[in-house]
């Protein structure tokens, strides 16, 4: 059967208080370079478990923030995977990456396309400034829209936008405004998640005031 590969890049430059993902908060970009050696060792070990006849049809980079790595570092990881695994023709490969629009430019998208990425997932969650402040993720509409347009310009097959409902200070009206803004960007796909407030399990969520979370009536 064909294979799907996933690469986890755990680094983020700042914490989003709602996030329960496996991540390391740091602004030290050299940590990405230090991460590559053990990553390549793991790729080598994993590749040995599969016959070369198993074609890779999907490759996904998640996180954390995959674009914490530079485009040359991401290219090096993809090239390493290509040496170890048998990939289908690039035109038949789903090659996706999760992107933080706050940490890359439209020019970076061209470099990602040249590496082979053809699907992108952009974290947004909510565009309301009060909600953004409460979850420590300040992100403008313009910087997000510019990345969506850059993905289209460089031929990405699909652009997904992530949203979360149930965040602090959210109301139906505020979330509706976010949806209107997002729909104007015409993403190919939306991933909409419900927030689960579990501060005893997720330390960062203790920074969220539980009294500001929407009730079922809201």
C-alpha atoms as a PDB file:
ATOM      1  CA  UNK A   1       0.000   0.000   0.000  1.00  0.00           C
ATOM      2  CA  UNK A   2       1.160   3.607  -0.498  1.00  0.00           C
ATOM      3  CA  UNK A   3       2.653   5.613   2.345  1.00  0.00           C
ATOM      4  CA  UNK A   4       1.871   8.975   3.941  1.00  0.00           C
ATOM      5  CA  UNK A   5       4.707  10.673   5.844  1.00  0.00           C
ATOM      6  CA  UNK A   6       4.411  13.248   8.617  1.00  0.00           C
ATOM      7  CA  UNK A   7       7.221  15.490   9.896  1.00  0.00           C
ATOM      8  CA  UNK A   8       6.675  17.307  13.185  1.00  0.00           C
ATOM      9  CA  UNK A   9       8.471  20.625  13.673  1.00  0.00           C
ATOM     10  CA  UNK A  10       7.886  21.438  17.344  1.00  0.00           C
ATOM     11  CA  UNK A  11       9.142  25.022  17.553  1.00  0.00           C
ATOM     12  CA  UNK A  12       7.053  28.193  17.999  1.00  0.00           C
ATOM     13  CA  UNK A  13       8.339  31.687  18.747  1.00  0.00           C
ATOM     14  CA  UNK A  14       5.432  32.487  21.101  1.00  0.00           C
ATOM     15  CA  UNK A  15       2.737  30.455  22.872  1.00  0.00           C
ATOM     16  CA  UNK A  16      -0.879  30.486  21.738  1.00  0.00           C
ATOM     17  CA  UNK A  17      -2.689  29.910  25.022  1.00  0.00           C
ATOM     18  CA  UNK A  18      -5.321  27.578  23.544  1.00  0.00           C
ATOM     19  CA  UNK A  19      -2.799  25.222  21.924  1.00  0.00           C
ATOM     20  CA  UNK A  20      -2.400  21.651  23.177  1.00  0.00           C
ATOM     21  CA  UNK A  21       0.084  20.579  20.487  1.00  0.00           C
ATOM     22  CA  UNK A  22       3.536  19.204  21.217  1.00  0.00           C
ATOM     23  CA  UNK A  23       5.658  22.359  20.914  1.00  0.00           C
ATOM     24  CA  UNK A  24       8.766  24.097  22.203  1.00  0.00           C
ATOM     25  CA  UNK A  25       8.572  27.869  22.703  1.00  0.00           C
ATOM     26  CA  UNK A  26      11.806  29.563  21.638  1.00  0.00           C
ATOM     27  CA  UNK A  27      13.092  32.468  19.575  1.00  0.00           C
ATOM     28  CA  UNK A  28      16.464  30.757  19.120  1.00  0.00           C
ATOM     29  CA  UNK A  29      16.433  29.753  15.448  1.00  0.00           C
ATOM     30  CA  UNK A  30      19.609  27.696  15.881  1.00  0.00           C
ATOM     31  CA  UNK A  31      17.509  25.065  17.654  1.00  0.00           C
ATOM     32  CA  UNK A  32      16.004  24.112  14.301  1.00  0.00           C
ATOM     33  CA  UNK A  33      19.466  23.244  12.973  1.00  0.00           C
ATOM     34  CA  UNK A  34      20.199  21.162  16.079  1.00  0.00           C
ATOM     35  CA  UNK A  35      16.920  19.307  15.539  1.00  0.00           C
ATOM     36  CA  UNK A  36      17.886  18.140  12.064  1.00  0.00           C
ATOM     37  CA  UNK A  37      20.525  15.553  13.043  1.00  0.00           C
ATOM     38  CA  UNK A  38      18.196  13.438  15.240  1.00  0.00           C
ATOM     39  CA  UNK A  39      15.407  13.951  12.704  1.00  0.00           C
ATOM     40  CA  UNK A  40      17.583  12.513   9.926  1.00  0.00           C
ATOM     41  CA  UNK A  41      18.495   9.590  12.173  1.00  0.00           C
ATOM     42  CA  UNK A  42      14.817   8.883  12.761  1.00  0.00           C
ATOM     43  CA  UNK A  43      14.102   9.117   9.018  1.00  0.00           C
ATOM     44  CA  UNK A  44      16.855   6.585   8.385  1.00  0.00           C
ATOM     45  CA  UNK A  45      15.462   4.208  11.009  1.00  0.00           C
ATOM     46  CA  UNK A  46      11.891   4.560   9.764  1.00  0.00           C
ATOM     47  CA  UNK A  47      12.824   4.079   6.120  1.00  0.00           C
ATOM     48  CA  UNK A  48      14.385   0.725   6.942  1.00  0.00           C
ATOM     49  CA  UNK A  49      10.995  -0.591   8.038  1.00  0.00           C
ATOM     50  CA  UNK A  50       9.421  -0.233   4.592  1.00  0.00           C
ATOM     51  CA  UNK A  51      10.215  -1.776   1.253  1.00  0.00           C
ATOM     52  CA  UNK A  52      11.294   0.535  -1.560  1.00  0.00           C
ATOM     53  CA  UNK A  53       8.231  -0.540  -3.511  1.00  0.00           C
ATOM     54  CA  UNK A  54       5.977   1.390  -1.128  1.00  0.00           C
ATOM     55  CA  UNK A  55       5.334   4.726  -2.814  1.00  0.00           C
ATOM     56  CA  UNK A  56       4.942   7.913  -0.796  1.00  0.00           C
ATOM     57  CA  UNK A  57       1.801   9.694  -2.012  1.00  0.00           C
ATOM     58  CA  UNK A  58       1.415  12.235   0.817  1.00  0.00           C
ATOM     59  CA  UNK A  59       3.904  14.308   2.804  1.00  0.00           C
ATOM     60  CA  UNK A  60       2.786  16.670   5.554  1.00  0.00           C
ATOM     61  CA  UNK A  61       4.760  19.066   7.771  1.00  0.00           C
ATOM     62  CA  UNK A  62       3.010  20.036  11.008  1.00  0.00           C
ATOM     63  CA  UNK A  63       3.880  21.509  14.335  1.00  0.00           C
ATOM     64  CA  UNK A  64       4.513  23.684  16.184  1.00  0.00           C
ATOM     65  CA  UNK A  65       5.376  26.021  13.385  1.00  0.00           C
ATOM     66  CA  UNK A  66       7.000  24.293  10.392  1.00  0.00           C
ATOM     67  CA  UNK A  67       8.026  27.648   8.912  1.00  0.00           C
ATOM     68  CA  UNK A  68      10.163  28.170  12.024  1.00  0.00           C
ATOM     69  CA  UNK A  69      12.635  26.378   9.750  1.00  0.00           C
ATOM     70  CA  UNK A  70      14.055  28.309   6.828  1.00  0.00           C
ATOM     71  CA  UNK A  71      13.129  27.270   3.276  1.00  0.00           C
ATOM     72  CA  UNK A  72      16.661  25.837   2.748  1.00  0.00           C
ATOM     73  CA  UNK A  73      16.260  23.723   5.904  1.00  0.00           C
ATOM     74  CA  UNK A  74      12.857  22.509   4.763  1.00  0.00           C
ATOM     75  CA  UNK A  75      14.312  21.653   1.346  1.00  0.00           C
ATOM     76  CA  UNK A  76      17.064  19.655   3.036  1.00  0.00           C
ATOM     77  CA  UNK A  77      14.496  17.635   5.006  1.00  0.00           C
ATOM     78  CA  UNK A  78      12.431  16.938   1.880  1.00  0.00           C
ATOM     79  CA  UNK A  79      15.542  15.952  -0.079  1.00  0.00           C
ATOM     80  CA  UNK A  80      16.571  13.590   2.734  1.00  0.00           C
ATOM     81  CA  UNK A  81      13.149  11.960   2.686  1.00  0.00           C
ATOM     82  CA  UNK A  82      13.336  11.572  -1.091  1.00  0.00           C
ATOM     83  CA  UNK A  83      16.640   9.749  -0.782  1.00  0.00           C
ATOM     84  CA  UNK A  84      15.258   7.358   1.815  1.00  0.00           C
ATOM     85  CA  UNK A  85      11.766   6.746   0.446  1.00  0.00           C
ATOM     86  CA  UNK A  86      10.295   6.136  -2.986  1.00  0.00           C
ATOM     87  CA  UNK A  87       8.100   9.108  -3.878  1.00  0.00           C
ATOM     88  CA  UNK A  88       5.489   9.225  -6.626  1.00  0.00           C
ATOM     89  CA  UNK A  89       5.840  11.753  -9.424  1.00  0.00           C
ATOM     90  CA  UNK A  90       5.739  15.315  -8.000  1.00  0.00           C
ATOM     91  CA  UNK A  91       2.559  16.045  -9.963  1.00  0.00           C
ATOM     92  CA  UNK A  92       0.819  13.204  -8.103  1.00  0.00           C
ATOM     93  CA  UNK A  93       2.190  14.006  -4.624  1.00  0.00           C
ATOM     94  CA  UNK A  94       0.161  15.821  -1.969  1.00  0.00           C
ATOM     95  CA  UNK A  95       2.852  17.861  -0.217  1.00  0.00           C
ATOM     96  CA  UNK A  96       1.363  20.009   2.532  1.00  0.00           C
ATOM     97  CA  UNK A  97       2.635  22.327   5.233  1.00  0.00           C
ATOM     98  CA  UNK A  98       1.079  24.164   8.160  1.00  0.00           C
ATOM     99  CA  UNK A  99       1.985  27.857   8.080  1.00  0.00           C
ATOM    100  CA  UNK A 100       1.915  30.711  10.561  1.00  0.00           C
ATOM    101  CA  UNK A 101       1.249  33.819   8.413  1.00  0.00           C
ATOM    102  CA  UNK A 102       2.891  36.004  11.078  1.00  0.00           C
ATOM    103  CA  UNK A 103       6.275  34.387  10.513  1.00  0.00           C
ATOM    104  CA  UNK A 104       6.796  34.329   6.752  1.00  0.00           C
ATOM    105  CA  UNK A 105       6.519  36.518   3.674  1.00  0.00           C
ATOM    106  CA  UNK A 106       4.894  36.146   0.283  1.00  0.00           C
ATOM    107  CA  UNK A 107       8.391  35.581  -1.144  1.00  0.00           C
ATOM    108  CA  UNK A 108       8.847  32.582   1.151  1.00  0.00           C
ATOM    109  CA  UNK A 109       5.830  30.935  -0.490  1.00  0.00           C
ATOM    110  CA  UNK A 110       7.665  30.912  -3.816  1.00  0.00           C
ATOM    111  CA  UNK A 111      10.549  29.049  -2.194  1.00  0.00           C
ATOM    112  CA  UNK A 112       8.171  26.538  -0.621  1.00  0.00           C
ATOM    113  CA  UNK A 113       6.525  25.941  -3.997  1.00  0.00           C
ATOM    114  CA  UNK A 114       9.949  25.355  -5.550  1.00  0.00           C
ATOM    115  CA  UNK A 115      10.622  22.695  -2.892  1.00  0.00           C
ATOM    116  CA  UNK A 116       7.426  20.915  -3.934  1.00  0.00           C
ATOM    117  CA  UNK A 117       4.799  22.039  -1.434  1.00  0.00           C
ATOM    118  CA  UNK A 118       1.412  22.320  -3.112  1.00  0.00           C
ATOM    119  CA  UNK A 119      -1.021  22.442  -0.188  1.00  0.00           C
ATOM    120  CA  UNK A 120      -0.985  24.880   2.737  1.00  0.00           C
ATOM    121  CA  UNK A 121      -2.897  25.143   5.995  1.00  0.00           C
ATOM    122  CA  UNK A 122      -2.932  28.563   7.658  1.00  0.00           C
ATOM    123  CA  UNK A 123      -3.642  29.051  11.332  1.00  0.00           C
ATOM    124  CA  UNK A 124      -6.087  31.880  12.008  1.00  0.00           C
ATOM    125  CA  UNK A 125      -8.536  30.772  14.757  1.00  0.00           C
ATOM    126  CA  UNK A 126     -10.252  34.183  15.018  1.00  0.00           C
ATOM    127  CA  UNK A 127      -9.712  37.677  13.616  1.00  0.00           C
ATOM    128  CA  UNK A 128     -11.424  39.540  16.453  1.00  0.00           C
ATOM    129  CA  UNK A 129      -8.771  41.662  18.256  1.00  0.00           C
ATOM    130  CA  UNK A 130     -10.234  41.031  21.716  1.00  0.00           C
ATOM    131  CA  UNK A 131     -10.209  37.276  21.192  1.00  0.00           C
ATOM    132  CA  UNK A 132      -6.706  37.412  19.708  1.00  0.00           C
ATOM    133  CA  UNK A 133      -5.411  39.318  22.729  1.00  0.00           C
ATOM    134  CA  UNK A 134      -6.948  36.815  25.139  1.00  0.00           C
ATOM    135  CA  UNK A 135      -5.239  33.845  23.449  1.00  0.00           C
ATOM    136  CA  UNK A 136      -1.942  35.632  22.708  1.00  0.00           C
ATOM    137  CA  UNK A 137      -2.169  35.358  18.928  1.00  0.00           C
ATOM    138  CA  UNK A 138      -2.206  38.800  17.298  1.00  0.00           C
ATOM    139  CA  UNK A 139      -2.587  38.311  13.553  1.00  0.00           C
ATOM    140  CA  UNK A 140      -3.793  40.814  10.991  1.00  0.00           C
ATOM    141  CA  UNK A 141      -6.195  40.175   8.158  1.00  0.00           C
ATOM    142  CA  UNK A 142      -3.794  41.714   5.640  1.00  0.00           C
ATOM    143  CA  UNK A 143      -0.809  39.493   6.460  1.00  0.00           C
ATOM    144  CA  UNK A 144      -3.030  36.418   6.300  1.00  0.00           C
ATOM    145  CA  UNK A 145      -4.641  37.445   3.003  1.00  0.00           C
ATOM    146  CA  UNK A 146      -1.239  38.130   1.447  1.00  0.00           C
ATOM    147  CA  UNK A 147      -0.111  34.567   2.196  1.00  0.00           C
ATOM    148  CA  UNK A 148      -3.336  33.118   0.779  1.00  0.00           C
ATOM    149  CA  UNK A 149      -2.839  35.112  -2.423  1.00  0.00           C
ATOM    150  CA  UNK A 150       0.837  34.133  -2.618  1.00  0.00           C
ATOM    151  CA  UNK A 151      -0.137  30.456  -2.390  1.00  0.00           C
ATOM    152  CA  UNK A 152      -2.519  30.919  -5.297  1.00  0.00           C
ATOM    153  CA  UNK A 153       0.035  32.877  -7.286  1.00  0.00           C
ATOM    154  CA  UNK A 154       2.591  30.092  -6.899  1.00  0.00           C
ATOM    155  CA  UNK A 155       0.187  27.355  -7.944  1.00  0.00           C
ATOM    156  CA  UNK A 156      -0.764  25.691  -4.666  1.00  0.00           C
ATOM    157  CA  UNK A 157      -3.556  23.187  -5.263  1.00  0.00           C
ATOM    158  CA  UNK A 158      -5.301  23.896  -1.958  1.00  0.00           C
ATOM    159  CA  UNK A 159      -5.296  26.461   0.842  1.00  0.00           C
ATOM    160  CA  UNK A 160      -6.913  25.583   4.172  1.00  0.00           C
ATOM    161  CA  UNK A 161      -7.693  27.983   7.017  1.00  0.00           C
ATOM    162  CA  UNK A 162      -7.983  26.773  10.619  1.00  0.00           C
ATOM    163  CA  UNK A 163     -10.615  28.303  12.907  1.00  0.00           C
ATOM    164  CA  UNK A 164     -11.551  27.585  16.523  1.00  0.00           C
ATOM    165  CA  UNK A 165     -14.888  28.246  18.204  1.00  0.00           C
ATOM    166  CA  UNK A 166     -15.350  28.447  21.970  1.00  0.00           C
ATOM    167  CA  UNK A 167     -12.391  30.781  22.608  1.00  0.00           C
ATOM    168  CA  UNK A 168     -12.502  33.489  25.313  1.00  0.00           C
ATOM    169  CA  UNK A 169     -14.667  36.531  24.548  1.00  0.00           C
ATOM    170  CA  UNK A 170     -16.089  34.908  21.410  1.00  0.00           C
ATOM    171  CA  UNK A 171     -19.722  35.553  20.584  1.00  0.00           C
ATOM    172  CA  UNK A 172     -21.795  34.366  17.664  1.00  0.00           C
ATOM    173  CA  UNK A 173     -21.619  37.877  16.190  1.00  0.00           C
ATOM    174  CA  UNK A 174     -17.846  38.159  16.524  1.00  0.00           C
ATOM    175  CA  UNK A 175     -17.257  34.727  15.058  1.00  0.00           C
ATOM    176  CA  UNK A 176     -19.639  35.524  12.203  1.00  0.00           C
ATOM    177  CA  UNK A 177     -17.492  38.554  11.337  1.00  0.00           C
ATOM    178  CA  UNK A 178     -14.410  36.313  11.260  1.00  0.00           C
ATOM    179  CA  UNK A 179     -16.233  33.917   8.940  1.00  0.00           C
ATOM    180  CA  UNK A 180     -17.183  36.770   6.608  1.00  0.00           C
ATOM    181  CA  UNK A 181     -13.542  37.904   6.437  1.00  0.00           C
ATOM    182  CA  UNK A 182     -12.301  34.370   5.819  1.00  0.00           C
ATOM    183  CA  UNK A 183     -14.861  33.711   3.096  1.00  0.00           C
ATOM    184  CA  UNK A 184     -13.671  36.820   1.262  1.00  0.00           C
ATOM    185  CA  UNK A 185     -10.248  35.135   1.035  1.00  0.00           C
ATOM    186  CA  UNK A 186     -11.925  32.158  -0.720  1.00  0.00           C
ATOM    187  CA  UNK A 187      -9.991  29.306   0.910  1.00  0.00           C
ATOM    188  CA  UNK A 188     -10.403  25.890  -0.657  1.00  0.00           C
ATOM    189  CA  UNK A 189     -11.090  24.319   2.719  1.00  0.00           C
ATOM    190  CA  UNK A 190     -11.932  25.240   6.300  1.00  0.00           C
ATOM    191  CA  UNK A 191     -10.997  23.245   9.384  1.00  0.00           C
ATOM    192  CA  UNK A 192     -13.163  24.371  12.298  1.00  0.00           C
ATOM    193  CA  UNK A 193     -12.418  22.999  15.763  1.00  0.00           C
ATOM    194  CA  UNK A 194     -14.106  23.312  19.136  1.00  0.00           C
ATOM    195  CA  UNK A 195     -11.879  24.599  21.931  1.00  0.00           C
ATOM    196  CA  UNK A 196     -11.482  22.223  24.892  1.00  0.00           C
ATOM    197  CA  UNK A 197     -10.461  24.066  28.068  1.00  0.00           C
ATOM    198  CA  UNK A 198      -8.241  21.650  30.016  1.00  0.00           C
ATOM    199  CA  UNK A 199      -5.796  23.813  31.992  1.00  0.00           C
ATOM    200  CA  UNK A 200      -4.810  20.953  34.314  1.00  0.00           C
ATOM    201  CA  UNK A 201      -3.536  19.015  31.298  1.00  0.00           C
ATOM    202  CA  UNK A 202      -2.402  21.926  29.111  1.00  0.00           C
ATOM    203  CA  UNK A 203      -0.376  24.416  31.140  1.00  0.00           C
ATOM    204  CA  UNK A 204      -0.660  27.283  28.661  1.00  0.00           C
ATOM    205  CA  UNK A 205      -4.445  27.220  28.954  1.00  0.00           C
ATOM    206  CA  UNK A 206      -4.172  28.348  32.577  1.00  0.00           C
ATOM    207  CA  UNK A 207      -3.420  31.799  31.104  1.00  0.00           C
ATOM    208  CA  UNK A 208      -7.004  31.927  29.830  1.00  0.00           C
ATOM    209  CA  UNK A 209      -9.635  33.365  32.178  1.00  0.00           C
ATOM    210  CA  UNK A 210     -12.319  30.681  32.267  1.00  0.00           C
ATOM    211  CA  UNK A 211     -14.977  33.271  33.098  1.00  0.00           C
ATOM    212  CA  UNK A 212     -14.525  34.771  29.613  1.00  0.00           C
ATOM    213  CA  UNK A 213     -15.274  31.521  27.781  1.00  0.00           C
ATOM    214  CA  UNK A 214     -18.588  31.509  25.890  1.00  0.00           C
ATOM    215  CA  UNK A 215     -21.450  29.516  27.340  1.00  0.00           C
ATOM    216  CA  UNK A 216     -23.680  27.237  25.310  1.00  0.00           C
ATOM    217  CA  UNK A 217     -26.268  30.022  25.252  1.00  0.00           C
ATOM    218  CA  UNK A 218     -23.793  32.369  23.528  1.00  0.00           C
END
